[in-house]
């Protein structure tokens, strides 16, 4: 780690393919997670913005441990320090996403209502799509008003698999 670099990344394996974790140290040697991106994810920033690879950053070790427990079905709520970067509205939406219980879903309209902006379901959807920390900030738990799966930056197949997994389906079932 150099003193002029504040972003670092690592790559870990998961049942959903490789996950790129990005952290911002911003003066804190432990760092805080500011990105979790799947391969081929929509709105994935360019690789060069992730900074150098550092597999030993303490926040990556914590994320690796919690993600492993999540994928083993042993963890339902993440307690990682996050550095969410977005507009105030986006951050308010992402904060709401973290309150959707494991195994449950909410609609964009329900989130807009919870924000006190019932006409903002489309804006909620746009903010949801820009979530920089998938899985940990569970944007996959948001569905359309008719109960259908809607867009997901990591792809609808991954969204379906994440929701099925959280509802008790085997991780690798067809």
N, C-alpha and C. Protein backbone atom coordinates (compact mmCIF):
# COMPACT_ATOMS: atom_id res chain seq x y z
N UNK A 1 0.85 -1.18 0.00
CA UNK A 1 0.00 0.00 0.00
C UNK A 1 0.89 1.23 0.00
N UNK A 2 0.62 2.18 -0.90
CA UNK A 2 1.35 3.44 -0.91
C UNK A 2 0.49 4.53 -0.30
N UNK A 3 1.14 5.58 0.17
CA UNK A 3 0.38 6.64 0.83
C UNK A 3 -0.52 7.41 -0.12
N UNK A 4 -0.24 7.40 -1.44
CA UNK A 4 -1.07 8.14 -2.37
C UNK A 4 -2.24 7.32 -2.90
N UNK A 5 -2.24 6.02 -2.65
CA UNK A 5 -3.31 5.16 -3.13
C UNK A 5 -4.34 4.98 -2.03
N UNK A 6 -5.61 5.15 -2.38
CA UNK A 6 -6.64 4.94 -1.37
C UNK A 6 -7.60 3.83 -1.74
N UNK A 7 -7.59 3.37 -3.00
CA UNK A 7 -8.46 2.27 -3.41
C UNK A 7 -7.64 1.03 -3.68
N UNK A 8 -8.18 -0.10 -3.24
CA UNK A 8 -7.52 -1.39 -3.44
C UNK A 8 -8.60 -2.41 -3.79
N UNK A 9 -8.18 -3.50 -4.38
CA UNK A 9 -9.16 -4.53 -4.70
C UNK A 9 -8.57 -5.91 -4.45
N UNK A 10 -9.46 -6.86 -4.40
CA UNK A 10 -9.10 -8.27 -4.38
C UNK A 10 -10.20 -9.00 -5.12
N UNK A 11 -9.95 -10.23 -5.46
CA UNK A 11 -10.94 -11.05 -6.16
C UNK A 11 -11.09 -12.35 -5.37
N UNK A 12 -12.33 -12.73 -5.10
CA UNK A 12 -12.59 -13.97 -4.38
C UNK A 12 -13.53 -14.84 -5.21
N UNK A 13 -13.48 -16.12 -4.99
CA UNK A 13 -14.40 -17.04 -5.65
C UNK A 13 -15.71 -17.08 -4.88
N UNK A 14 -16.78 -17.36 -5.60
CA UNK A 14 -18.09 -17.50 -4.96
C UNK A 14 -18.92 -18.46 -5.82
N UNK A 15 -20.04 -18.92 -5.30
CA UNK A 15 -20.92 -19.77 -6.11
C UNK A 15 -21.50 -19.02 -7.32
N UNK A 16 -21.34 -17.70 -7.35
CA UNK A 16 -21.87 -16.88 -8.44
C UNK A 16 -20.76 -16.38 -9.35
N UNK A 17 -19.62 -17.00 -9.24
CA UNK A 17 -18.47 -16.60 -10.04
C UNK A 17 -17.56 -15.69 -9.23
N UNK A 18 -16.48 -15.23 -9.86
CA UNK A 18 -15.55 -14.37 -9.13
C UNK A 18 -16.22 -13.05 -8.72
N UNK A 19 -15.90 -12.63 -7.50
CA UNK A 19 -16.40 -11.36 -6.99
C UNK A 19 -15.19 -10.44 -6.79
N UNK A 20 -15.27 -9.24 -7.33
CA UNK A 20 -14.22 -8.26 -7.12
C UNK A 20 -14.65 -7.35 -5.97
N UNK A 21 -13.86 -7.35 -4.91
CA UNK A 21 -14.12 -6.49 -3.76
C UNK A 21 -13.22 -5.26 -3.89
N UNK A 22 -13.78 -4.10 -3.65
CA UNK A 22 -13.03 -2.85 -3.72
C UNK A 22 -13.16 -2.15 -2.37
N UNK A 23 -12.03 -1.63 -1.89
CA UNK A 23 -12.03 -0.92 -0.61
C UNK A 23 -11.39 0.44 -0.77
N UNK A 24 -11.83 1.33 0.07
CA UNK A 24 -11.25 2.66 0.16
C UNK A 24 -10.62 2.77 1.54
N UNK A 25 -9.33 3.05 1.58
CA UNK A 25 -8.67 3.17 2.88
C UNK A 25 -8.80 4.59 3.42
N UNK A 26 -8.77 5.59 2.58
CA UNK A 26 -8.99 6.99 2.97
C UNK A 26 -8.38 7.28 4.35
N UNK A 27 -7.13 6.91 4.51
CA UNK A 27 -6.43 7.17 5.77
C UNK A 27 -6.60 6.10 6.83
N UNK A 28 -7.48 5.16 6.61
CA UNK A 28 -7.72 4.08 7.56
C UNK A 28 -7.06 2.82 7.02
N UNK A 29 -6.06 2.32 7.72
CA UNK A 29 -5.30 1.17 7.23
C UNK A 29 -6.16 -0.08 7.06
N UNK A 30 -7.26 -0.20 7.81
CA UNK A 30 -8.14 -1.36 7.67
C UNK A 30 -8.99 -1.28 6.43
N UNK A 31 -9.36 -0.04 6.01
CA UNK A 31 -10.19 0.16 4.84
C UNK A 31 -11.66 -0.15 5.09
N UNK A 32 -12.50 0.31 4.19
CA UNK A 32 -13.93 0.03 4.23
C UNK A 32 -14.35 -0.40 2.84
N UNK A 33 -15.22 -1.38 2.78
CA UNK A 33 -15.68 -1.91 1.51
C UNK A 33 -16.52 -0.86 0.77
N UNK A 34 -16.17 -0.57 -0.48
CA UNK A 34 -16.95 0.39 -1.27
C UNK A 34 -17.43 -0.22 -2.58
N UNK A 35 -17.10 -1.48 -2.84
CA UNK A 35 -17.58 -2.11 -4.05
C UNK A 35 -17.52 -3.63 -3.96
N UNK A 36 -18.52 -4.26 -4.55
CA UNK A 36 -18.53 -5.72 -4.75
C UNK A 36 -19.17 -5.92 -6.10
N UNK A 37 -18.37 -6.39 -7.04
CA UNK A 37 -18.84 -6.51 -8.42
C UNK A 37 -18.68 -7.93 -8.92
N UNK A 38 -19.71 -8.37 -9.65
CA UNK A 38 -19.69 -9.68 -10.29
C UNK A 38 -19.10 -9.53 -11.68
N UNK A 39 -18.62 -10.63 -12.22
CA UNK A 39 -18.12 -10.62 -13.60
C UNK A 39 -19.26 -10.23 -14.53
N UNK A 40 -19.00 -9.32 -15.44
CA UNK A 40 -19.99 -8.92 -16.43
C UNK A 40 -21.11 -8.06 -15.89
N UNK A 41 -20.97 -7.57 -14.70
CA UNK A 41 -22.03 -6.79 -14.07
C UNK A 41 -22.26 -5.46 -14.78
N UNK A 42 -23.52 -5.13 -14.96
CA UNK A 42 -23.89 -3.83 -15.52
C UNK A 42 -23.46 -2.73 -14.55
N UNK A 43 -23.02 -1.63 -15.04
CA UNK A 43 -22.56 -0.48 -14.26
C UNK A 43 -21.28 -0.77 -13.47
N UNK A 44 -20.58 -1.81 -13.86
CA UNK A 44 -19.30 -2.12 -13.21
C UNK A 44 -18.29 -1.06 -13.64
N UNK A 45 -17.64 -0.39 -12.70
CA UNK A 45 -16.64 0.63 -13.07
C UNK A 45 -15.45 -0.02 -13.79
N UNK A 46 -14.70 0.78 -14.52
CA UNK A 46 -13.50 0.24 -15.18
C UNK A 46 -12.52 -0.33 -14.15
N UNK A 47 -11.86 -1.42 -14.52
CA UNK A 47 -10.92 -2.10 -13.63
C UNK A 47 -9.86 -1.15 -13.05
N UNK A 48 -9.39 -0.20 -13.89
CA UNK A 48 -8.30 0.66 -13.44
C UNK A 48 -8.72 1.58 -12.28
N UNK A 49 -10.00 1.71 -12.03
CA UNK A 49 -10.44 2.54 -10.90
C UNK A 49 -10.43 1.78 -9.58
N UNK A 50 -10.19 0.46 -9.64
CA UNK A 50 -10.21 -0.36 -8.43
C UNK A 50 -8.93 -0.25 -7.63
N UNK A 51 -7.90 0.33 -8.18
CA UNK A 51 -6.62 0.42 -7.49
C UNK A 51 -5.87 -0.90 -7.54
N UNK A 52 -4.69 -0.93 -6.93
CA UNK A 52 -3.89 -2.16 -6.96
C UNK A 52 -4.53 -3.28 -6.14
N UNK A 53 -4.14 -4.50 -6.47
CA UNK A 53 -4.65 -5.65 -5.72
C UNK A 53 -3.92 -5.75 -4.38
N UNK A 54 -4.68 -5.98 -3.32
CA UNK A 54 -4.12 -6.18 -1.98
C UNK A 54 -5.01 -7.20 -1.28
N UNK A 55 -4.61 -8.45 -1.32
CA UNK A 55 -5.43 -9.52 -0.75
C UNK A 55 -5.44 -9.52 0.77
N UNK A 56 -4.54 -8.74 1.38
CA UNK A 56 -4.38 -8.79 2.84
C UNK A 56 -5.04 -7.65 3.60
N UNK A 57 -5.73 -6.78 2.92
CA UNK A 57 -6.39 -5.67 3.61
C UNK A 57 -7.40 -6.22 4.62
N UNK A 58 -7.38 -5.73 5.87
CA UNK A 58 -8.29 -6.29 6.90
C UNK A 58 -9.77 -6.28 6.51
N UNK A 59 -10.23 -5.26 5.82
CA UNK A 59 -11.66 -5.26 5.45
C UNK A 59 -11.97 -6.36 4.44
N UNK A 60 -11.00 -6.74 3.62
CA UNK A 60 -11.21 -7.85 2.69
C UNK A 60 -11.29 -9.17 3.44
N UNK A 61 -10.47 -9.32 4.46
CA UNK A 61 -10.52 -10.55 5.27
C UNK A 61 -11.89 -10.68 5.93
N UNK A 62 -12.39 -9.57 6.47
CA UNK A 62 -13.71 -9.60 7.12
C UNK A 62 -14.80 -9.91 6.10
N UNK A 63 -14.73 -9.28 4.92
CA UNK A 63 -15.73 -9.53 3.88
C UNK A 63 -15.66 -10.97 3.40
N UNK A 64 -14.46 -11.47 3.19
CA UNK A 64 -14.28 -12.85 2.74
C UNK A 64 -14.92 -13.81 3.76
N UNK A 65 -14.69 -13.57 5.05
CA UNK A 65 -15.23 -14.43 6.10
C UNK A 65 -16.76 -14.38 6.13
N UNK A 66 -17.33 -13.17 6.05
CA UNK A 66 -18.79 -13.05 6.12
C UNK A 66 -19.45 -13.60 4.84
N UNK A 67 -18.85 -13.35 3.69
CA UNK A 67 -19.42 -13.89 2.45
C UNK A 67 -19.38 -15.42 2.46
N UNK A 68 -18.30 -15.97 2.96
CA UNK A 68 -18.19 -17.43 3.05
C UNK A 68 -19.29 -17.99 3.95
N UNK A 69 -19.52 -17.34 5.08
CA UNK A 69 -20.59 -17.77 6.00
C UNK A 69 -21.96 -17.60 5.35
N UNK A 70 -22.15 -16.51 4.60
CA UNK A 70 -23.42 -16.29 3.89
C UNK A 70 -23.67 -17.42 2.90
N UNK A 71 -22.67 -17.73 2.08
CA UNK A 71 -22.84 -18.76 1.06
C UNK A 71 -22.99 -20.15 1.68
N UNK A 72 -22.52 -20.31 2.91
CA UNK A 72 -22.70 -21.59 3.62
C UNK A 72 -24.06 -21.65 4.32
N UNK A 73 -24.83 -20.57 4.23
CA UNK A 73 -26.13 -20.53 4.89
C UNK A 73 -26.05 -20.26 6.37
N UNK A 74 -24.92 -19.75 6.83
CA UNK A 74 -24.70 -19.52 8.25
C UNK A 74 -24.82 -18.05 8.66
N UNK A 75 -24.97 -17.16 7.71
CA UNK A 75 -25.03 -15.72 8.00
C UNK A 75 -26.17 -15.11 7.19
N UNK A 76 -27.00 -14.33 7.85
CA UNK A 76 -28.13 -13.72 7.16
C UNK A 76 -28.04 -12.20 7.13
N UNK A 77 -27.17 -11.62 7.91
CA UNK A 77 -27.04 -10.16 7.95
C UNK A 77 -25.57 -9.79 8.06
N UNK A 78 -25.11 -8.98 7.14
CA UNK A 78 -23.71 -8.57 7.13
C UNK A 78 -23.50 -7.42 8.11
N UNK A 79 -22.32 -7.40 8.71
CA UNK A 79 -21.98 -6.34 9.67
C UNK A 79 -20.66 -5.67 9.29
N UNK A 80 -20.41 -5.56 8.01
CA UNK A 80 -19.16 -4.99 7.53
C UNK A 80 -19.24 -3.46 7.51
N UNK A 81 -18.08 -2.83 7.68
CA UNK A 81 -18.04 -1.38 7.51
C UNK A 81 -18.06 -1.09 6.01
N UNK A 82 -19.01 -0.25 5.61
CA UNK A 82 -19.18 0.07 4.19
C UNK A 82 -18.91 1.55 3.96
N UNK A 83 -18.38 1.85 2.80
CA UNK A 83 -18.17 3.23 2.37
C UNK A 83 -18.97 3.41 1.09
N UNK A 84 -20.27 3.64 1.24
CA UNK A 84 -21.16 3.77 0.09
C UNK A 84 -20.99 5.15 -0.54
N UNK A 85 -20.67 5.15 -1.83
CA UNK A 85 -20.45 6.40 -2.55
C UNK A 85 -21.56 6.59 -3.57
N UNK A 86 -22.34 7.63 -3.37
CA UNK A 86 -23.44 7.92 -4.28
C UNK A 86 -24.10 9.20 -3.84
N UNK A 87 -25.18 9.54 -4.51
CA UNK A 87 -25.92 10.74 -4.13
C UNK A 87 -26.63 10.48 -2.80
N UNK A 88 -27.07 11.53 -2.12
CA UNK A 88 -27.82 11.30 -0.88
C UNK A 88 -29.04 10.40 -1.10
N UNK A 89 -29.75 10.58 -2.24
CA UNK A 89 -30.92 9.74 -2.51
C UNK A 89 -30.50 8.28 -2.69
N UNK A 90 -29.44 8.05 -3.48
CA UNK A 90 -28.97 6.68 -3.68
C UNK A 90 -28.59 6.04 -2.34
N UNK A 91 -27.88 6.77 -1.52
CA UNK A 91 -27.46 6.20 -0.23
C UNK A 91 -28.68 5.89 0.65
N UNK A 92 -29.72 6.72 0.57
CA UNK A 92 -30.92 6.44 1.37
C UNK A 92 -31.60 5.16 0.87
N UNK A 93 -31.61 4.96 -0.45
CA UNK A 93 -32.19 3.72 -1.00
C UNK A 93 -31.34 2.53 -0.57
N UNK A 94 -30.02 2.64 -0.70
CA UNK A 94 -29.15 1.52 -0.35
C UNK A 94 -29.27 1.19 1.13
N UNK A 95 -29.45 2.21 1.96
CA UNK A 95 -29.63 1.96 3.39
C UNK A 95 -30.91 1.16 3.63
N UNK A 96 -31.97 1.50 2.89
CA UNK A 96 -33.22 0.73 3.01
C UNK A 96 -33.04 -0.72 2.58
N UNK A 97 -32.24 -0.91 1.54
CA UNK A 97 -32.01 -2.28 1.06
C UNK A 97 -31.44 -3.16 2.16
N UNK A 98 -30.56 -2.59 2.99
CA UNK A 98 -29.94 -3.38 4.05
C UNK A 98 -30.96 -3.78 5.13
N UNK A 99 -32.12 -3.17 5.10
CA UNK A 99 -33.16 -3.49 6.11
C UNK A 99 -34.15 -4.55 5.61
N UNK A 100 -34.03 -4.96 4.35
CA UNK A 100 -34.91 -6.01 3.85
C UNK A 100 -34.40 -7.33 4.42
N UNK A 101 -35.22 -8.00 5.22
CA UNK A 101 -34.75 -9.23 5.86
C UNK A 101 -34.35 -10.31 4.84
N UNK A 102 -33.40 -11.08 5.23
CA UNK A 102 -32.94 -12.25 4.48
C UNK A 102 -34.14 -13.11 4.10
N UNK A 103 -34.19 -13.51 2.85
CA UNK A 103 -35.26 -14.40 2.39
C UNK A 103 -36.56 -13.70 2.05
N UNK A 104 -36.60 -12.36 2.22
CA UNK A 104 -37.82 -11.62 1.90
C UNK A 104 -37.55 -10.68 0.72
N UNK A 105 -38.61 -10.18 0.13
CA UNK A 105 -38.48 -9.22 -0.97
C UNK A 105 -39.36 -8.01 -0.70
N UNK A 106 -39.04 -6.94 -1.38
CA UNK A 106 -39.85 -5.73 -1.36
C UNK A 106 -39.95 -5.24 -2.81
N UNK A 107 -40.98 -4.46 -3.08
CA UNK A 107 -41.12 -3.87 -4.41
C UNK A 107 -40.49 -2.48 -4.40
N UNK A 108 -40.24 -1.98 -5.60
CA UNK A 108 -39.71 -0.62 -5.72
C UNK A 108 -40.69 0.37 -5.09
N UNK A 109 -41.99 0.14 -5.29
CA UNK A 109 -43.00 1.02 -4.72
C UNK A 109 -42.99 0.99 -3.20
N UNK A 110 -42.79 -0.17 -2.61
CA UNK A 110 -42.72 -0.25 -1.16
C UNK A 110 -41.52 0.54 -0.63
N UNK A 111 -40.41 0.46 -1.34
CA UNK A 111 -39.23 1.22 -0.91
C UNK A 111 -39.48 2.72 -1.06
N UNK A 112 -40.13 3.11 -2.16
CA UNK A 112 -40.44 4.53 -2.36
C UNK A 112 -41.37 5.01 -1.23
N UNK A 113 -42.36 4.20 -0.88
CA UNK A 113 -43.25 4.56 0.23
C UNK A 113 -42.46 4.71 1.53
N UNK A 114 -41.54 3.79 1.77
CA UNK A 114 -40.74 3.82 3.00
C UNK A 114 -39.86 5.07 3.07
N UNK A 115 -39.50 5.59 1.89
CA UNK A 115 -38.71 6.82 1.84
C UNK A 115 -39.58 8.06 1.99
N UNK A 116 -40.91 7.87 2.00
CA UNK A 116 -41.82 9.01 2.06
C UNK A 116 -41.97 9.68 0.71
N UNK A 117 -41.63 8.97 -0.36
CA UNK A 117 -41.71 9.49 -1.73
C UNK A 117 -42.42 8.47 -2.61
N UNK A 118 -43.74 8.31 -2.41
CA UNK A 118 -44.45 7.23 -3.10
C UNK A 118 -44.42 7.32 -4.62
N UNK A 119 -44.13 8.48 -5.17
CA UNK A 119 -44.07 8.61 -6.63
C UNK A 119 -42.67 8.31 -7.18
N UNK A 120 -41.75 7.95 -6.32
CA UNK A 120 -40.35 7.82 -6.74
C UNK A 120 -39.92 6.38 -6.99
N UNK A 121 -40.86 5.49 -7.31
CA UNK A 121 -40.47 4.08 -7.48
C UNK A 121 -39.47 3.91 -8.63
N UNK A 122 -39.61 4.69 -9.69
CA UNK A 122 -38.66 4.59 -10.80
C UNK A 122 -37.27 5.05 -10.35
N UNK A 123 -37.21 6.14 -9.60
CA UNK A 123 -35.92 6.63 -9.09
C UNK A 123 -35.31 5.62 -8.13
N UNK A 124 -36.16 4.96 -7.35
CA UNK A 124 -35.67 3.90 -6.46
C UNK A 124 -35.05 2.78 -7.30
N UNK A 125 -35.73 2.44 -8.40
CA UNK A 125 -35.20 1.40 -9.28
C UNK A 125 -33.86 1.78 -9.87
N UNK A 126 -33.73 3.03 -10.27
CA UNK A 126 -32.45 3.49 -10.83
C UNK A 126 -31.35 3.45 -9.78
N UNK A 127 -31.66 3.89 -8.56
CA UNK A 127 -30.68 3.85 -7.48
C UNK A 127 -30.31 2.41 -7.15
N UNK A 128 -31.33 1.54 -7.15
CA UNK A 128 -31.09 0.12 -6.89
C UNK A 128 -30.11 -0.45 -7.91
N UNK A 129 -30.28 -0.06 -9.17
CA UNK A 129 -29.42 -0.55 -10.23
C UNK A 129 -27.99 -0.06 -10.12
N UNK A 130 -27.78 1.01 -9.41
CA UNK A 130 -26.44 1.57 -9.23
C UNK A 130 -25.78 1.13 -7.93
N UNK A 131 -26.41 0.21 -7.21
CA UNK A 131 -25.85 -0.29 -5.96
C UNK A 131 -24.43 -0.80 -6.21
N UNK A 132 -23.43 -0.23 -5.54
CA UNK A 132 -22.06 -0.66 -5.79
C UNK A 132 -21.63 -1.88 -4.98
N UNK A 133 -22.46 -2.33 -4.05
CA UNK A 133 -22.03 -3.44 -3.18
C UNK A 133 -23.11 -4.51 -3.19
N UNK A 134 -23.25 -5.18 -4.33
CA UNK A 134 -24.24 -6.24 -4.46
C UNK A 134 -24.06 -7.32 -3.40
N UNK A 135 -25.07 -8.09 -3.21
CA UNK A 135 -25.18 -9.19 -2.23
C UNK A 135 -25.17 -8.63 -0.81
N UNK A 136 -24.14 -7.88 -0.42
CA UNK A 136 -24.05 -7.35 0.95
C UNK A 136 -25.12 -6.27 1.16
N UNK A 137 -25.29 -5.39 0.19
CA UNK A 137 -26.42 -4.47 0.15
C UNK A 137 -27.39 -5.15 -0.81
N UNK A 138 -28.39 -5.84 -0.28
CA UNK A 138 -29.11 -6.85 -1.06
C UNK A 138 -30.15 -6.30 -2.05
N UNK A 139 -29.67 -5.70 -3.11
CA UNK A 139 -30.56 -5.17 -4.15
C UNK A 139 -31.29 -6.31 -4.87
N UNK A 140 -30.79 -7.53 -4.74
CA UNK A 140 -31.47 -8.67 -5.37
C UNK A 140 -32.81 -8.96 -4.70
N UNK A 141 -33.07 -8.38 -3.55
CA UNK A 141 -34.33 -8.62 -2.83
C UNK A 141 -35.45 -7.69 -3.27
N UNK A 142 -35.23 -6.91 -4.32
CA UNK A 142 -36.25 -5.99 -4.81
C UNK A 142 -36.84 -6.56 -6.10
N UNK A 143 -38.18 -6.61 -6.14
CA UNK A 143 -38.88 -7.19 -7.28
C UNK A 143 -39.91 -6.19 -7.80
N UNK A 144 -40.49 -6.51 -8.95
CA UNK A 144 -41.51 -5.66 -9.53
C UNK A 144 -42.80 -5.72 -8.74
N UNK A 145 -43.67 -4.76 -8.98
CA UNK A 145 -44.94 -4.68 -8.24
C UNK A 145 -45.83 -5.90 -8.47
N UNK A 146 -45.63 -6.59 -9.60
CA UNK A 146 -46.43 -7.79 -9.89
C UNK A 146 -45.74 -9.07 -9.41
N UNK A 147 -44.64 -8.90 -8.67
CA UNK A 147 -43.94 -10.05 -8.14
C UNK A 147 -42.90 -10.62 -9.08
N UNK A 148 -42.77 -10.03 -10.25
CA UNK A 148 -41.80 -10.55 -11.21
C UNK A 148 -40.39 -10.07 -10.89
N UNK A 149 -39.44 -10.87 -11.33
CA UNK A 149 -38.06 -10.42 -11.22
C UNK A 149 -37.87 -9.31 -12.25
N UNK A 150 -37.20 -8.31 -11.87
CA UNK A 150 -36.92 -7.22 -12.81
C UNK A 150 -35.40 -7.13 -12.96
N UNK A 151 -34.93 -6.09 -13.51
CA UNK A 151 -33.50 -5.98 -13.78
C UNK A 151 -32.62 -6.23 -12.56
N UNK A 152 -31.44 -6.72 -12.85
CA UNK A 152 -30.42 -6.94 -11.82
C UNK A 152 -29.07 -6.81 -12.50
N UNK A 153 -28.23 -5.97 -11.93
CA UNK A 153 -26.93 -5.69 -12.55
C UNK A 153 -26.11 -6.94 -12.77
N UNK A 154 -26.28 -7.93 -11.91
CA UNK A 154 -25.53 -9.17 -12.03
C UNK A 154 -26.20 -10.19 -12.93
N UNK A 155 -27.36 -9.83 -13.50
CA UNK A 155 -28.09 -10.73 -14.37
C UNK A 155 -29.25 -11.40 -13.64
N UNK A 156 -30.34 -11.61 -14.35
CA UNK A 156 -31.54 -12.17 -13.72
C UNK A 156 -31.33 -13.60 -13.22
N UNK A 157 -30.47 -14.37 -13.89
CA UNK A 157 -30.21 -15.73 -13.41
C UNK A 157 -29.58 -15.70 -12.02
N UNK A 158 -28.61 -14.81 -11.84
CA UNK A 158 -27.99 -14.71 -10.50
C UNK A 158 -29.00 -14.22 -9.47
N UNK A 159 -29.85 -13.27 -9.86
CA UNK A 159 -30.86 -12.75 -8.93
C UNK A 159 -31.78 -13.89 -8.49
N UNK A 160 -32.26 -14.67 -9.46
CA UNK A 160 -33.15 -15.79 -9.15
C UNK A 160 -32.43 -16.78 -8.23
N UNK A 161 -31.18 -17.07 -8.52
CA UNK A 161 -30.42 -18.03 -7.70
C UNK A 161 -30.22 -17.48 -6.28
N UNK A 162 -29.93 -16.19 -6.14
CA UNK A 162 -29.76 -15.60 -4.80
C UNK A 162 -31.06 -15.67 -4.01
N UNK A 163 -32.18 -15.31 -4.66
CA UNK A 163 -33.47 -15.36 -3.96
C UNK A 163 -33.83 -16.79 -3.60
N UNK A 164 -33.63 -17.72 -4.52
CA UNK A 164 -33.92 -19.13 -4.23
C UNK A 164 -33.06 -19.63 -3.08
N UNK A 165 -31.78 -19.25 -3.10
CA UNK A 165 -30.87 -19.67 -2.04
C UNK A 165 -31.35 -19.16 -0.68
N UNK A 166 -31.73 -17.88 -0.63
CA UNK A 166 -32.18 -17.30 0.63
C UNK A 166 -33.51 -17.89 1.09
N UNK A 167 -34.25 -18.49 0.17
CA UNK A 167 -35.52 -19.12 0.54
C UNK A 167 -35.35 -20.61 0.83
N UNK A 168 -34.09 -21.04 0.87
CA UNK A 168 -33.82 -22.40 1.28
C UNK A 168 -33.48 -23.39 0.19
N UNK A 169 -33.44 -22.94 -1.06
CA UNK A 169 -33.08 -23.86 -2.13
C UNK A 169 -31.58 -24.17 -2.05
N UNK A 170 -31.22 -25.32 -2.48
CA UNK A 170 -29.80 -25.68 -2.51
C UNK A 170 -29.07 -24.71 -3.42
N UNK A 171 -27.87 -24.37 -3.05
CA UNK A 171 -27.10 -23.37 -3.79
C UNK A 171 -26.83 -23.78 -5.22
N UNK A 172 -26.66 -25.04 -5.47
CA UNK A 172 -26.28 -25.47 -6.81
C UNK A 172 -27.39 -26.25 -7.51
N UNK A 173 -28.64 -26.07 -7.09
CA UNK A 173 -29.72 -26.79 -7.76
C UNK A 173 -29.95 -26.18 -9.13
N UNK A 174 -30.49 -26.96 -10.02
CA UNK A 174 -30.73 -26.49 -11.40
C UNK A 174 -31.93 -25.58 -11.48
